């Protein structure tokens, strides 16, 4: 996946289009543009519009070269007014649980939130990044808990905070340039992750990023990052010294600084318009006190963080390229010069620069920001997936909900809050009634496949699906829902009889849907005889081979009441039923075609044809009771009987037969022998004792 990253520096803005392949950053395009004016000072944005203008130009240049369209950019902030706070968190499980990458991110987020709660500042601060210090699983230190099966996992992190104004100015500058923040972290965190892998953090190393406005410091030791710091002086202080000493404007002085050590003589014009010839050696002597002052401040801060000089210092950034800077720093820290190294992009095996333009220490930070964006390292924006689309949630200063996420991403409340249905008001026998509609269902919310709500908290890496709301509906209310019936009980069954109803002065039906302002009336009492008339008739209809047959079946008689008595709607009425039971054999004529055989000297008639009866596709027998509405179909089958059919009509228990002999017309035969009219059958057998 191609991503856009932008290093918004004090002097220059560097945009990079890159992709991550097998853990290696491939730089596809890179654009560097300088601020037309000093819109930034000491790493802080002072003129948002001017910075946004250059950011937009960088974005559009990269888009035109790559053919891509970018809506977000990965960025990092310099550490001006930086504060650090340590936070910790622990997750405990009822049983051994495998720690996933998602759980690690969740644990780190909890630890960062703990750091947020511990922050003490009079200014409103945003957490802009964090670095894991160490982890333990079941009380034992581990480099990476992912993949382990444990009952407890613990993490300690160092969270970094910047003033809200610093964060907001970056977000606003990107917004004015047509971008939103894809990933945000602290510059020294990004550089540290790029230059000092986890294994190297056992060494006591310092990362020093000397830019134009600030010098950012990160220190690692014993396998973890132990601190961050920022010095508000860097390359611009050197440039300003050249401006003052030689009466040059800032861009010209910046040009002189970059040429130091490359040329012996540098020709420029001063602010008065005169040509000035400057010797590199002379300029270097002029700026040496400023360089030494910057180096002294840096060294003092390093020793303050580390408690002593480190084992080595990795230096990046264009501000450190001034001749003598590295030597002065090694001297100030009492380190050999080979322990203070100026790193460049060309030396990084994890980076493949396809443009060939990212040469020098000043491009380490832009590349580090790009790598951090791909790997989501050190960022505190909550990265989640919303309906399949990656989005960011800012900030981590407090718990954020699904509702916060939706609003931040341009949704309106009406997009996920249901609208209730209106109520219906009607009159029933002079009494006003209200039928309320349902409230509806808010948009369904799922977090990682589990049902949630708009008030559920969102964590880093969550997959969130938000559906559409279901507006409230008013369930159809029918007259029979509000007018009570007489409940008739008979033979263990019940049947409802509704009284006659008048709707707005006209005859109504129990199934009629009630509408707003409808006036409904029904009698308070009903005669028993009227109820009985409304019960199913004392006959039933069946169909035999398509022909309708009506059968008289029952009569109703009230129990403990007379037919002239009255009952109220809602009352129960018990009736007795006199019923004649009909069976299929009562309706279907049986065929009379038979054959006669002689069985052990006795004449026996056997049927040749059989009636097969089915109801609704299922075969039934002659003794099946007939029910109202039953559809019967008949089919005749002609088949000569077998010996076994003959024996089935005799009172012989074949299970007790020990030995037997069957003769048909004097010839031995089996049970399956077919019989014809006039056959003589002899069956001799001996029963078992």
Foldseek 3Di string as FASTA:
>chain_A
DWAWAWEQAQFKIKIFIWDADPLFIETDDMDIDTQPDRQDALQFGNDLQSSLVVVLVRQVVVCVVPVDHAAAYFYEGEQVVKDKFKFKFKDFAPFWDAAAPQNVQQRVLVRVLRRLVVDDDPAAKFFFFKWWFWKAAPRHTDLDRHGGTGRMMMTMMMIMIDGPNRVVSVQSSQVSSNHGHLFYFHLVQLLCVQPAPQVNLCFFEKEWEAECFKIKIWTGHNRGTQDIDIDRHFQVVLLVLQCVVPQADSVVSVVLQVCQPVDQWDWDAHPVGDIDIDGSVVSCVSSVVVLLVVLLVVLVVSCVRVVAQGQAYEYAYPRCPRPPNLVSNCVNRVHPSVRYYDDFPVPRPSYHYPVPPRTGRNCSSSVSSVSCSNVVHGGAFQWEAEQNRTDTHDHSSDWDFLLSVQVVVPDDPQFFQAAADQWAWEAEARRIDIQGWDAWFTWWKDWQNHTDDRGDTDGHYIYMYTGGTGHIDGDFDFQPNPFFFAWEDEPNDTDTHGFWKAKPNHTDDRRDTDGHHIYMYGDFKDFQLVRQVPDDDQWFWEAEQRDIDIGRFKDKAWDPDHRRDMDGRVHYTYIYIDTDWDWQLVPDDDDDDWAWEAEQNRIDTDDFKDKFKDWPRHTDDRGHIDDHHTYIYIDMDGHFDFQLSVVVVPPDDVVFFPDKFKAKQRHTDDRGHGDGHYIYIYIDTDGDD
